[in-house]
Amino acid sequence: SFEQSYLQLLFQLGPLGLGLFFVSLSAPVRRAWKSVFAAARTI
């Protein structure tokens, strides 16, 4: 375990694993971003 969490994941998982972490977050974040700016507000 290290303070530099993303460098730690790069060392342990390589670009593939670190990239998967951020890709897994990006799609739901983009959807939520669109809902925040949607013309018809969602509940």
PDB file of all heavy atoms in Angstrom:
ATOM      1  N   SER A   1       0.826  -1.207   0.000  1.00  0.00           N
ATOM      2  CA  SER A   1       0.000   0.000   0.000  1.00  0.00           C
ATOM      3  C   SER A   1       0.862   1.260   0.000  1.00  0.00           C
ATOM      4  O   SER A   1       1.866   1.335   0.714  1.00  0.00           O
ATOM      5  CB  SER A   1      -0.912   0.003   1.231  1.00  0.00           C
ATOM      6  OG  SER A   1      -1.642   1.205   1.328  1.00  0.00           O
ATOM      7  N   PHE A   2       0.431   2.268  -0.795  1.00  0.00           N
ATOM      8  CA  PHE A   2       1.172   3.529  -0.915  1.00  0.00           C
ATOM      9  C   PHE A   2       0.188   4.697  -0.962  1.00  0.00           C
ATOM     10  O   PHE A   2      -0.983   4.526  -1.327  1.00  0.00           O
ATOM     11  CB  PHE A   2       2.043   3.531  -2.175  1.00  0.00           C
ATOM     12  CG  PHE A   2       3.059   2.435  -2.194  1.00  0.00           C
ATOM     13  CD1 PHE A   2       2.754   1.192  -2.731  1.00  0.00           C
ATOM     14  CD2 PHE A   2       4.319   2.623  -1.647  1.00  0.00           C
ATOM     15  CE1 PHE A   2       3.682   0.162  -2.725  1.00  0.00           C
ATOM     16  CE2 PHE A   2       5.259   1.606  -1.636  1.00  0.00           C
ATOM     17  CZ  PHE A   2       4.942   0.374  -2.184  1.00  0.00           C
ATOM     18  N   GLU A   3       0.679   5.890  -0.594  1.00  0.00           N
ATOM     19  CA  GLU A   3      -0.157   7.087  -0.676  1.00  0.00           C
ATOM     20  C   GLU A   3      -0.545   7.413  -2.118  1.00  0.00           C
ATOM     21  O   GLU A   3      -1.656   7.859  -2.372  1.00  0.00           O
ATOM     22  CB  GLU A   3       0.561   8.299  -0.062  1.00  0.00           C
ATOM     23  CG  GLU A   3       0.350   8.473   1.416  1.00  0.00           C
ATOM     24  CD  GLU A   3       1.435   7.774   2.227  1.00  0.00           C
ATOM     25  OE1 GLU A   3       2.229   7.031   1.616  1.00  0.00           O
ATOM     26  OE2 GLU A   3       1.491   7.969   3.452  1.00  0.00           O
ATOM     27  N   GLN A   4       0.381   7.209  -3.035  1.00  0.00           N
ATOM     28  CA  GLN A   4       0.107   7.545  -4.438  1.00  0.00           C
ATOM     29  C   GLN A   4      -0.709   6.415  -5.075  1.00  0.00           C
ATOM     30  O   GLN A   4      -0.183   5.536  -5.755  1.00  0.00           O
ATOM     31  CB  GLN A   4       1.420   7.759  -5.188  1.00  0.00           C
ATOM     32  CG  GLN A   4       2.421   8.678  -4.495  1.00  0.00           C
ATOM     33  CD  GLN A   4       1.835  10.018  -4.138  1.00  0.00           C
ATOM     34  OE1 GLN A   4       1.859  10.439  -2.986  1.00  0.00           O
ATOM     35  NE2 GLN A   4       1.293  10.723  -5.114  1.00  0.00           N
ATOM     36  N   SER A   5      -2.024   6.445  -4.837  1.00  0.00           N
ATOM     37  CA  SER A   5      -2.892   5.311  -5.174  1.00  0.00           C
ATOM     38  C   SER A   5      -2.872   4.959  -6.657  1.00  0.00           C
ATOM     39  O   SER A   5      -2.860   3.783  -7.030  1.00  0.00           O
ATOM     40  CB  SER A   5      -4.330   5.622  -4.745  1.00  0.00           C
ATOM     41  OG  SER A   5      -4.415   5.769  -3.346  1.00  0.00           O
ATOM     42  N   TYR A   6      -2.878   5.968  -7.522  1.00  0.00           N
ATOM     43  CA  TYR A   6      -2.956   5.676  -8.955  1.00  0.00           C
ATOM     44  C   TYR A   6      -1.621   5.165  -9.486  1.00  0.00           C
ATOM     45  O   TYR A   6      -1.598   4.295 -10.371  1.00  0.00           O
ATOM     46  CB  TYR A   6      -3.428   6.916  -9.720  1.00  0.00           C
ATOM     47  CG  TYR A   6      -4.757   7.438  -9.217  1.00  0.00           C
ATOM     48  CD1 TYR A   6      -4.949   8.785  -8.945  1.00  0.00           C
ATOM     49  CD2 TYR A   6      -5.823   6.570  -8.988  1.00  0.00           C
ATOM     50  CE1 TYR A   6      -6.157   9.261  -8.455  1.00  0.00           C
ATOM     51  CE2 TYR A   6      -7.032   7.024  -8.500  1.00  0.00           C
ATOM     52  CZ  TYR A   6      -7.195   8.377  -8.232  1.00  0.00           C
ATOM     53  OH  TYR A   6      -8.398   8.829  -7.750  1.00  0.00           O
ATOM     54  N   LEU A   7      -0.510   5.671  -8.964  1.00  0.00           N
ATOM     55  CA  LEU A   7       0.784   5.101  -9.331  1.00  0.00           C
ATOM     56  C   LEU A   7       0.896   3.673  -8.806  1.00  0.00           C
ATOM     57  O   LEU A   7       1.501   2.809  -9.455  1.00  0.00           O
ATOM     58  CB  LEU A   7       1.922   5.958  -8.779  1.00  0.00           C
ATOM     59  CG  LEU A   7       2.236   7.258  -9.528  1.00  0.00           C
ATOM     60  CD1 LEU A   7       3.380   7.988  -8.835  1.00  0.00           C
ATOM     61  CD2 LEU A   7       2.599   6.985 -10.979  1.00  0.00           C
ATOM     62  N   GLN A   8       0.317   3.412  -7.654  1.00  0.00           N
ATOM     63  CA  GLN A   8       0.306   2.055  -7.129  1.00  0.00           C
ATOM     64  C   GLN A   8      -0.463   1.123  -8.064  1.00  0.00           C
ATOM     65  O   GLN A   8      -0.002   0.014  -8.371  1.00  0.00           O
ATOM     66  CB  GLN A   8      -0.337   2.034  -5.741  1.00  0.00           C
ATOM     67  CG  GLN A   8      -0.492   0.641  -5.154  1.00  0.00           C
ATOM     68  CD  GLN A   8      -1.242   0.634  -3.838  1.00  0.00           C
ATOM     69  OE1 GLN A   8      -1.206   1.595  -3.086  1.00  0.00           O
ATOM     70  NE2 GLN A   8      -1.943  -0.449  -3.556  1.00  0.00           N
ATOM     71  N   LEU A   9      -1.636   1.557  -8.529  1.00  0.00           N
ATOM     72  CA  LEU A   9      -2.414   0.735  -9.460  1.00  0.00           C
ATOM     73  C   LEU A   9      -1.681   0.559 -10.786  1.00  0.00           C
ATOM     74  O   LEU A   9      -1.769  -0.502 -11.416  1.00  0.00           O
ATOM     75  CB  LEU A   9      -3.785   1.358  -9.694  1.00  0.00           C
ATOM     76  CG  LEU A   9      -4.757   1.309  -8.515  1.00  0.00           C
ATOM     77  CD1 LEU A   9      -6.087   1.944  -8.900  1.00  0.00           C
ATOM     78  CD2 LEU A   9      -4.974  -0.116  -8.036  1.00  0.00           C
ATOM     79  N   LEU A  10      -0.953   1.595 -11.226  1.00  0.00           N
ATOM     80  CA  LEU A  10      -0.171   1.470 -12.453  1.00  0.00           C
ATOM     81  C   LEU A  10       0.917   0.418 -12.277  1.00  0.00           C
ATOM     82  O   LEU A  10       1.148  -0.409 -13.172  1.00  0.00           O
ATOM     83  CB  LEU A  10       0.450   2.820 -12.815  1.00  0.00           C
ATOM     84  CG  LEU A  10       1.230   2.876 -14.134  1.00  0.00           C
ATOM     85  CD1 LEU A  10       0.304   2.640 -15.317  1.00  0.00           C
ATOM     86  CD2 LEU A  10       1.938   4.224 -14.275  1.00  0.00           C
ATOM     87  N   PHE A  11       1.594   0.420 -11.138  1.00  0.00           N
ATOM     88  CA  PHE A  11       2.629  -0.563 -10.844  1.00  0.00           C
ATOM     89  C   PHE A  11       2.035  -1.970 -10.757  1.00  0.00           C
ATOM     90  O   PHE A  11       2.622  -2.942 -11.257  1.00  0.00           O
ATOM     91  CB  PHE A  11       3.325  -0.174  -9.527  1.00  0.00           C
ATOM     92  CG  PHE A  11       3.992  -1.307  -8.796  1.00  0.00           C
ATOM     93  CD1 PHE A  11       5.006  -2.048  -9.394  1.00  0.00           C
ATOM     94  CD2 PHE A  11       3.616  -1.615  -7.489  1.00  0.00           C
ATOM     95  CE1 PHE A  11       5.618  -3.095  -8.711  1.00  0.00           C
ATOM     96  CE2 PHE A  11       4.233  -2.647  -6.804  1.00  0.00           C
ATOM     97  CZ  PHE A  11       5.232  -3.401  -7.416  1.00  0.00           C
ATOM     98  N   GLN A  12       0.860  -2.105 -10.162  1.00  0.00           N
ATOM     99  CA  GLN A  12       0.301  -3.429  -9.910  1.00  0.00           C
ATOM    100  C   GLN A  12      -0.586  -3.948 -11.044  1.00  0.00           C
ATOM    101  O   GLN A  12      -0.668  -5.161 -11.252  1.00  0.00           O
ATOM    102  CB  GLN A  12      -0.493  -3.403  -8.610  1.00  0.00           C
ATOM    103  CG  GLN A  12       0.372  -3.157  -7.382  1.00  0.00           C
ATOM    104  CD  GLN A  12      -0.438  -3.068  -6.112  1.00  0.00           C
ATOM    105  OE1 GLN A  12      -1.606  -2.666  -6.120  1.00  0.00           O
ATOM    106  NE2 GLN A  12       0.165  -3.445  -5.000  1.00  0.00           N
ATOM    107  N   LEU A  13      -1.263  -3.057 -11.765  1.00  0.00           N
ATOM    108  CA  LEU A  13      -2.214  -3.477 -12.796  1.00  0.00           C
ATOM    109  C   LEU A  13      -1.834  -3.043 -14.197  1.00  0.00           C
ATOM    110  O   LEU A  13      -2.483  -3.457 -15.168  1.00  0.00           O
ATOM    111  CB  LEU A  13      -3.611  -2.932 -12.471  1.00  0.00           C
ATOM    112  CG  LEU A  13      -4.223  -3.358 -11.139  1.00  0.00           C
ATOM    113  CD1 LEU A  13      -5.534  -2.625 -10.905  1.00  0.00           C
ATOM    114  CD2 LEU A  13      -4.443  -4.858 -11.095  1.00  0.00           C
ATOM    115  N   GLY A  14      -0.813  -2.205 -14.312  1.00  0.00           N
ATOM    116  CA  GLY A  14      -0.413  -1.709 -15.619  1.00  0.00           C
ATOM    117  C   GLY A  14      -1.431  -0.735 -16.182  1.00  0.00           C
ATOM    118  O   GLY A  14      -2.461  -0.439 -15.554  1.00  0.00           O
ATOM    119  N   PRO A  15      -1.194  -0.219 -17.381  1.00  0.00           N
ATOM    120  CA  PRO A  15      -2.140   0.721 -17.994  1.00  0.00           C
ATOM    121  C   PRO A  15      -3.514   0.109 -18.217  1.00  0.00           C
ATOM    122  O   PRO A  15      -4.522   0.814 -18.174  1.00  0.00           O
ATOM    123  CB  PRO A  15      -1.470   1.075 -19.331  1.00  0.00           C
ATOM    124  CG  PRO A  15      -0.027   0.713 -19.160  1.00  0.00           C
ATOM    125  CD  PRO A  15       0.009  -0.435 -18.202  1.00  0.00           C
ATOM    126  N   LEU A  16      -3.562  -1.203 -18.443  1.00  0.00           N
ATOM    127  CA  LEU A  16      -4.846  -1.860 -18.696  1.00  0.00           C
ATOM    128  C   LEU A  16      -5.754  -1.771 -17.476  1.00  0.00           C
ATOM    129  O   LEU A  16      -6.920  -1.379 -17.576  1.00  0.00           O
ATOM    130  CB  LEU A  16      -4.607  -3.324 -19.078  1.00  0.00           C
ATOM    131  CG  LEU A  16      -5.851  -4.142 -19.445  1.00  0.00           C
ATOM    132  CD1 LEU A  16      -6.551  -3.530 -20.657  1.00  0.00           C
ATOM    133  CD2 LEU A  16      -5.467  -5.592 -19.735  1.00  0.00           C
ATOM    134  N   GLY A  17      -5.245  -2.132 -16.307  1.00  0.00           N
ATOM    135  CA  GLY A  17      -6.067  -2.103 -15.102  1.00  0.00           C
ATOM    136  C   GLY A  17      -6.405  -0.695 -14.662  1.00  0.00           C
ATOM    137  O   GLY A  17      -7.548  -0.414 -14.274  1.00  0.00           O
ATOM    138  N   LEU A  18      -5.412   0.213 -14.718  1.00  0.00           N
ATOM    139  CA  LEU A  18      -5.681   1.599 -14.334  1.00  0.00           C
ATOM    140  C   LEU A  18      -6.683   2.235 -15.290  1.00  0.00           C
ATOM    141  O   LEU A  18      -7.590   2.960 -14.873  1.00  0.00           O
ATOM    142  CB  LEU A  18      -4.375   2.393 -14.317  1.00  0.00           C
ATOM    143  CG  LEU A  18      -4.479   3.858 -13.880  1.00  0.00           C
ATOM    144  CD1 LEU A  18      -4.992   3.974 -12.453  1.00  0.00           C
ATOM    145  CD2 LEU A  18      -3.123   4.556 -14.003  1.00  0.00           C
ATOM    146  N   GLY A  19      -6.530   1.944 -16.586  1.00  0.00           N
ATOM    147  CA  GLY A  19      -7.477   2.470 -17.574  1.00  0.00           C
ATOM    148  C   GLY A  19      -8.882   1.940 -17.341  1.00  0.00           C
ATOM    149  O   GLY A  19      -9.864   2.682 -17.473  1.00  0.00           O
ATOM    150  N   LEU A  20      -8.990   0.660 -16.978  1.00  0.00           N
ATOM    151  CA  LEU A  20     -10.305   0.078 -16.718  1.00  0.00           C
ATOM    152  C   LEU A  20     -10.987   0.774 -15.551  1.00  0.00           C
ATOM    153  O   LEU A  20     -12.204   0.984 -15.566  1.00  0.00           O
ATOM    154  CB  LEU A  20     -10.164  -1.418 -16.424  1.00  0.00           C
ATOM    155  CG  LEU A  20     -11.453  -2.168 -16.091  1.00  0.00           C
ATOM    156  CD1 LEU A  20     -12.453  -2.079 -17.232  1.00  0.00           C
ATOM    157  CD2 LEU A  20     -11.147  -3.635 -15.766  1.00  0.00           C
ATOM    158  N   PHE A  21     -10.219   1.150 -14.548  1.00  0.00           N
ATOM    159  CA  PHE A  21     -10.792   1.857 -13.392  1.00  0.00           C
ATOM    160  C   PHE A  21     -11.448   3.167 -13.829  1.00  0.00           C
ATOM    161  O   PHE A  21     -12.594   3.456 -13.478  1.00  0.00           O
ATOM    162  CB  PHE A  21      -9.706   2.117 -12.347  1.00  0.00           C
ATOM    163  CG  PHE A  21     -10.155   2.950 -11.190  1.00  0.00           C
ATOM    164  CD1 PHE A  21     -10.919   2.403 -10.176  1.00  0.00           C
ATOM    165  CD2 PHE A  21      -9.829   4.298 -11.108  1.00  0.00           C
ATOM    166  CE1 PHE A  21     -11.350   3.178  -9.097  1.00  0.00           C
ATOM    167  CE2 PHE A  21     -10.243   5.080 -10.039  1.00  0.00           C
ATOM    168  CZ  PHE A  21     -11.000   4.505  -9.037  1.00  0.00           C
ATOM    169  N   PHE A  22     -10.724   3.954 -14.622  1.00  0.00           N
ATOM    170  CA  PHE A  22     -11.265   5.250 -15.026  1.00  0.00           C
ATOM    171  C   PHE A  22     -12.368   5.110 -16.073  1.00  0.00           C
ATOM    172  O   PHE A  22     -13.337   5.874 -16.068  1.00  0.00           O
ATOM    173  CB  PHE A  22     -10.144   6.151 -15.528  1.00  0.00           C
ATOM    174  CG  PHE A  22      -9.287   6.710 -14.431  1.00  0.00           C
ATOM    175  CD1 PHE A  22      -8.023   6.210 -14.188  1.00  0.00           C
ATOM    176  CD2 PHE A  22      -9.761   7.720 -13.616  1.00  0.00           C
ATOM    177  CE1 PHE A  22      -7.236   6.714 -13.158  1.00  0.00           C
ATOM    178  CE2 PHE A  22      -8.998   8.234 -12.579  1.00  0.00           C
ATOM    179  CZ  PHE A  22      -7.729   7.727 -12.347  1.00  0.00           C
ATOM    180  N   VAL A  23     -12.270   4.118 -16.952  1.00  0.00           N
ATOM    181  CA  VAL A  23     -13.336   3.885 -17.937  1.00  0.00           C
ATOM    182  C   VAL A  23     -14.615   3.458 -17.225  1.00  0.00           C
ATOM    183  O   VAL A  23     -15.721   3.870 -17.600  1.00  0.00           O
ATOM    184  CB  VAL A  23     -12.897   2.822 -18.967  1.00  0.00           C
ATOM    185  CG1 VAL A  23     -14.085   2.355 -19.801  1.00  0.00           C
ATOM    186  CG2 VAL A  23     -11.820   3.394 -19.878  1.00  0.00           C
ATOM    187  N   SER A  24     -14.481   2.632 -16.185  1.00  0.00           N
ATOM    188  CA  SER A  24     -15.656   2.179 -15.441  1.00  0.00           C
ATOM    189  C   SER A  24     -16.390   3.342 -14.794  1.00  0.00           C
ATOM    190  O   SER A  24     -17.611   3.287 -14.608  1.00  0.00           O
ATOM    191  CB  SER A  24     -15.233   1.164 -14.364  1.00  0.00           C
ATOM    192  OG  SER A  24     -14.664   0.014 -14.948  1.00  0.00           O
ATOM    193  N   LEU A  25     -15.657   4.397 -14.441  1.00  0.00           N
ATOM    194  CA  LEU A  25     -16.274   5.577 -13.847  1.00  0.00           C
ATOM    195  C   LEU A  25     -16.820   6.545 -14.888  1.00  0.00           C
ATOM    196  O   LEU A  25     -17.806   7.247 -14.640  1.00  0.00           O
ATOM    197  CB  LEU A  25     -15.263   6.322 -12.971  1.00  0.00           C
ATOM    198  CG  LEU A  25     -14.867   5.678 -11.645  1.00  0.00           C
ATOM    199  CD1 LEU A  25     -13.794   6.512 -10.967  1.00  0.00           C
ATOM    200  CD2 LEU A  25     -16.073   5.540 -10.742  1.00  0.00           C
ATOM    201  N   SER A  26     -16.195   6.593 -16.057  1.00  0.00           N
ATOM    202  CA  SER A  26     -16.491   7.664 -17.007  1.00  0.00           C
ATOM    203  C   SER A  26     -17.900   7.586 -17.575  1.00  0.00           C
ATOM    204  O   SER A  26     -18.578   8.605 -17.706  1.00  0.00           O
ATOM    205  CB  SER A  26     -15.463   7.647 -18.148  1.00  0.00           C
ATOM    206  OG  SER A  26     -15.555   6.444 -18.896  1.00  0.00           O
ATOM    207  N   ALA A  27     -18.371   6.371 -17.921  1.00  0.00           N
ATOM    208  CA  ALA A  27     -19.681   6.262 -18.560  1.00  0.00           C
ATOM    209  C   ALA A  27     -20.811   6.695 -17.632  1.00  0.00           C
ATOM    210  O   ALA A  27     -21.652   7.519 -18.012  1.00  0.00           O
ATOM    211  CB  ALA A  27     -19.890   4.834 -19.075  1.00  0.00           C
ATOM    212  N   PRO A  28     -20.903   6.179 -16.397  1.00  0.00           N
ATOM    213  CA  PRO A  28     -21.987   6.666 -15.523  1.00  0.00           C
ATOM    214  C   PRO A  28     -21.866   8.140 -15.175  1.00  0.00           C
ATOM    215  O   PRO A  28     -22.881   8.828 -15.009  1.00  0.00           O
ATOM    216  CB  PRO A  28     -21.855   5.786 -14.272  1.00  0.00           C
ATOM    217  CG  PRO A  28     -20.509   5.170 -14.335  1.00  0.00           C
ATOM    218  CD  PRO A  28     -20.164   5.071 -15.777  1.00  0.00           C
ATOM    219  N   VAL A  29     -20.646   8.652 -15.085  1.00  0.00           N
ATOM    220  CA  VAL A  29     -20.459  10.073 -14.797  1.00  0.00           C
ATOM    221  C   VAL A  29     -20.994  10.920 -15.949  1.00  0.00           C
ATOM    222  O   VAL A  29     -21.654  11.938 -15.732  1.00  0.00           O
ATOM    223  CB  VAL A  29     -18.972  10.374 -14.527  1.00  0.00           C
ATOM    224  CG1 VAL A  29     -18.715  11.878 -14.576  1.00  0.00           C
ATOM    225  CG2 VAL A  29     -18.557   9.837 -13.162  1.00  0.00           C
ATOM    226  N   ARG A  30     -20.736  10.501 -17.179  1.00  0.00           N
ATOM    227  CA  ARG A  30     -21.237  11.253 -18.338  1.00  0.00           C
ATOM    228  C   ARG A  30     -22.756  11.257 -18.374  1.00  0.00           C
ATOM    229  O   ARG A  30     -23.375  12.273 -18.709  1.00  0.00           O
ATOM    230  CB  ARG A  30     -20.671  10.652 -19.629  1.00  0.00           C
ATOM    231  CG  ARG A  30     -19.187  10.908 -19.831  1.00  0.00           C
ATOM    232  CD  ARG A  30     -18.717  10.355 -21.154  1.00  0.00           C
ATOM    233  NE  ARG A  30     -19.369  11.038 -22.271  1.00  0.00           N
ATOM    234  CZ  ARG A  30     -19.252  10.650 -23.551  1.00  0.00           C
ATOM    235  NH1 ARG A  30     -18.516   9.595 -23.856  1.00  0.00           N
ATOM    236  NH2 ARG A  30     -19.861  11.312 -24.496  1.00  0.00           N
ATOM    237  N   ARG A  31     -23.383  10.115 -18.060  1.00  0.00           N
ATOM    238  CA  ARG A  31     -24.845  10.062 -18.042  1.00  0.00           C
ATOM    239  C   ARG A  31     -25.413  11.003 -16.984  1.00  0.00           C
ATOM    240  O   ARG A  31     -26.392  11.717 -17.223  1.00  0.00           O
ATOM    241  CB  ARG A  31     -25.306   8.631 -17.774  1.00  0.00           C
ATOM    242  CG  ARG A  31     -25.328   7.739 -19.014  1.00  0.00           C
ATOM    243  CD  ARG A  31     -26.413   8.215 -19.979  1.00  0.00           C
ATOM    244  NE  ARG A  31     -26.455   7.359 -21.154  1.00  0.00           N
ATOM    245  CZ  ARG A  31     -27.219   6.279 -21.256  1.00  0.00           C
ATOM    246  NH1 ARG A  31     -27.974   5.926 -20.239  1.00  0.00           N
ATOM    247  NH2 ARG A  31     -27.215   5.571 -22.354  1.00  0.00           N
ATOM    248  N   ALA A  32     -24.806  10.985 -15.797  1.00  0.00           N
ATOM    249  CA  ALA A  32     -25.291  11.866 -14.732  1.00  0.00           C
ATOM    250  C   ALA A  32     -25.093  13.326 -15.109  1.00  0.00           C
ATOM    251  O   ALA A  32     -25.941  14.178 -14.815  1.00  0.00           O
ATOM    252  CB  ALA A  32     -24.566  11.542 -13.427  1.00  0.00           C
ATOM    253  N   TRP A  33     -23.960  13.631 -15.746  1.00  0.00           N
ATOM    254  CA  TRP A  33     -23.691  14.998 -16.209  1.00  0.00           C
ATOM    255  C   TRP A  33     -24.809  15.458 -17.130  1.00  0.00           C
ATOM    256  O   TRP A  33     -25.323  16.580 -17.021  1.00  0.00           O
ATOM    257  CB  TRP A  33     -22.344  15.019 -16.927  1.00  0.00           C
ATOM    258  CG  TRP A  33     -21.939  16.321 -17.531  1.00  0.00           C
ATOM    259  CD1 TRP A  33     -22.347  16.838 -18.722  1.00  0.00           C
ATOM    260  CD2 TRP A  33     -21.016  17.282 -16.987  1.00  0.00           C
ATOM    261  NE1 TRP A  33     -21.739  18.050 -18.961  1.00  0.00           N
ATOM    262  CE2 TRP A  33     -20.924  18.343 -17.908  1.00  0.00           C
ATOM    263  CE3 TRP A  33     -20.258  17.330 -15.819  1.00  0.00           C
ATOM    264  CZ2 TRP A  33     -20.095  19.450 -17.704  1.00  0.00           C
ATOM    265  CZ3 TRP A  33     -19.447  18.428 -15.608  1.00  0.00           C
ATOM    266  CH2 TRP A  33     -19.365  19.474 -16.533  1.00  0.00           C
ATOM    267  N   LYS A  34     -25.231  14.580 -18.057  1.00  0.00           N
ATOM    268  CA  LYS A  34     -26.304  14.943 -18.986  1.00  0.00           C
ATOM    269  C   LYS A  34     -27.619  15.160 -18.250  1.00  0.00           C
ATOM    270  O   LYS A  34     -28.399  16.043 -18.601  1.00  0.00           O
ATOM    271  CB  LYS A  34     -26.454  13.848 -20.045  1.00  0.00           C
ATOM    272  CG  LYS A  34     -25.286  13.770 -21.022  1.00  0.00           C
ATOM    273  CD  LYS A  34     -25.500  12.666 -22.047  1.00  0.00           C
ATOM    274  CE  LYS A  34     -24.325  12.577 -23.020  1.00  0.00           C
ATOM    275  NZ  LYS A  34     -24.498  11.482 -24.002  1.00  0.00           N
ATOM    276  N   SER A  35     -27.868  14.349 -17.223  1.00  0.00           N
ATOM    277  CA  SER A  35     -29.130  14.499 -16.496  1.00  0.00           C
ATOM    278  C   SER A  35     -29.162  15.817 -15.720  1.00  0.00           C
ATOM    279  O   SER A  35     -30.207  16.443 -15.583  1.00  0.00           O
ATOM    280  CB  SER A  35     -29.342  13.326 -15.534  1.00  0.00           C
ATOM    281  OG  SER A  35     -28.545  13.459 -14.381  1.00  0.00           O
ATOM    282  N   VAL A  36     -28.007  16.245 -15.216  1.00  0.00           N
ATOM    283  CA  VAL A  36     -27.942  17.513 -14.484  1.00  0.00           C
ATOM    284  C   VAL A  36     -28.255  18.676 -15.407  1.00  0.00           C
ATOM    285  O   VAL A  36     -28.890  19.657 -15.011  1.00  0.00           O
ATOM    286  CB  VAL A  36     -26.548  17.684 -13.839  1.00  0.00           C
ATOM    287  CG1 VAL A  36     -26.362  19.101 -13.306  1.00  0.00           C
ATOM    288  CG2 VAL A  36     -26.376  16.683 -12.699  1.00  0.00           C
ATOM    289  N   PHE A  37     -27.842  18.573 -16.675  1.00  0.00           N
ATOM    290  CA  PHE A  37     -28.061  19.652 -17.624  1.00  0.00           C
ATOM    291  C   PHE A  37     -29.286  19.435 -18.511  1.00  0.00           C
ATOM    292  O   PHE A  37     -29.506  20.184 -19.446  1.00  0.00           O
ATOM    293  CB  PHE A  37     -26.829  19.820 -18.521  1.00  0.00           C
ATOM    294  CG  PHE A  37     -25.688  20.504 -17.827  1.00  0.00           C
ATOM    295  CD1 PHE A  37     -24.463  19.866 -17.692  1.00  0.00           C
ATOM    296  CD2 PHE A  37     -25.835  21.758 -17.294  1.00  0.00           C
ATOM    297  CE1 PHE A  37     -23.406  20.483 -17.049  1.00  0.00           C
ATOM    298  CE2 PHE A  37     -24.785  22.392 -16.642  1.00  0.00           C
ATOM    299  CZ  PHE A  37     -23.567  21.760 -16.522  1.00  0.00           C
ATOM    300  N   ALA A  38     -30.074  18.372 -18.239  1.00  0.00           N
ATOM    301  CA  ALA A  38     -31.227  18.066 -19.078  1.00  0.00           C
ATOM    302  C   ALA A  38     -32.238  19.213 -19.036  1.00  0.00           C
ATOM    303  O   ALA A  38     -32.443  19.853 -18.018  1.00  0.00           O
ATOM    304  CB  ALA A  38     -31.888  16.773 -18.615  1.00  0.00           C
ATOM    305  N   ALA A  39     -32.876  19.443 -20.179  1.00  0.00           N
ATOM    306  CA  ALA A  39     -33.874  20.517 -20.254  1.00  0.00           C
ATOM    307  C   ALA A  39     -35.046  20.222 -19.318  1.00  0.00           C
ATOM    308  O   ALA A  39     -35.532  21.090 -18.602  1.00  0.00           O
ATOM    309  CB  ALA A  39     -34.366  20.665 -21.689  1.00  0.00           C
ATOM    310  N   ALA A  40     -35.526  18.954 -19.333  1.00  0.00           N
ATOM    311  CA  ALA A  40     -36.582  18.547 -18.412  1.00  0.00           C
ATOM    312  C   ALA A  40     -35.915  17.876 -17.218  1.00  0.00           C
ATOM    313  O   ALA A  40     -35.400  16.776 -17.327  1.00  0.00           O
ATOM    314  CB  ALA A  40     -37.539  17.582 -19.104  1.00  0.00           C
ATOM    315  N   ARG A  41     -35.913  18.557 -16.080  1.00  0.00           N
ATOM    316  CA  ARG A  41     -35.206  18.049 -14.908  1.00  0.00           C
ATOM    317  C   ARG A  41     -35.767  16.694 -14.473  1.00  0.00           C
ATOM    318  O   ARG A  41     -36.976  16.478 -14.463  1.00  0.00           O
ATOM    319  CB  ARG A  41     -35.329  19.037 -13.752  1.00  0.00           C
ATOM    320  CG  ARG A  41     -34.680  20.371 -14.023  1.00  0.00           C
ATOM    321  CD  ARG A  41     -33.173  20.219 -14.095  1.00  0.00           C
ATOM    322  NE  ARG A  41     -32.529  21.519 -14.243  1.00  0.00           N
ATOM    323  CZ  ARG A  41     -31.223  21.687 -14.325  1.00  0.00           C
ATOM    324  NH1 ARG A  41     -30.425  20.651 -14.276  1.00  0.00           N
ATOM    325  NH2 ARG A  41     -30.714  22.887 -14.462  1.00  0.00           N
ATOM    326  N   THR A  42     -34.913  15.768 -14.104  1.00  0.00           N
ATOM    327  CA  THR A  42     -35.360  14.495 -13.575  1.00  0.00           C
ATOM    328  C   THR A  42     -35.578  14.629 -12.071  1.00  0.00           C
ATOM    329  O   THR A  42     -35.038  15.518 -11.436  1.00  0.00           O
ATOM    330  CB  THR A  42     -34.314  13.400 -13.829  1.00  0.00           C
ATOM    331  OG1 THR A  42     -33.083  13.787 -13.204  1.00  0.00           O
ATOM    332  CG2 THR A  42     -34.077  13.201 -15.309  1.00  0.00           C
ATOM    333  N   ILE A  43     -36.356  13.711 -11.514  1.00  0.00           N
ATOM    334  CA  ILE A  43     -36.710  13.829 -10.107  1.00  0.00           C
ATOM    335  C   ILE A  43     -35.493  13.670  -9.206  1.00  0.00           C
ATOM    336  O   ILE A  43     -35.480  14.179  -8.095  1.00  0.00           O
ATOM    337  CB  ILE A  43     -37.774  12.780  -9.727  1.00  0.00           C
ATOM    338  CG1 ILE A  43     -37.281  11.366 -10.044  1.00  0.00           C
ATOM    339  CG2 ILE A  43     -39.071  13.053 -10.411  1.00  0.00           C
ATOM    340  CD1 ILE A  43     -38.213  10.290  -9.564  1.00  0.00           C
TER     341      ILE A  43
END
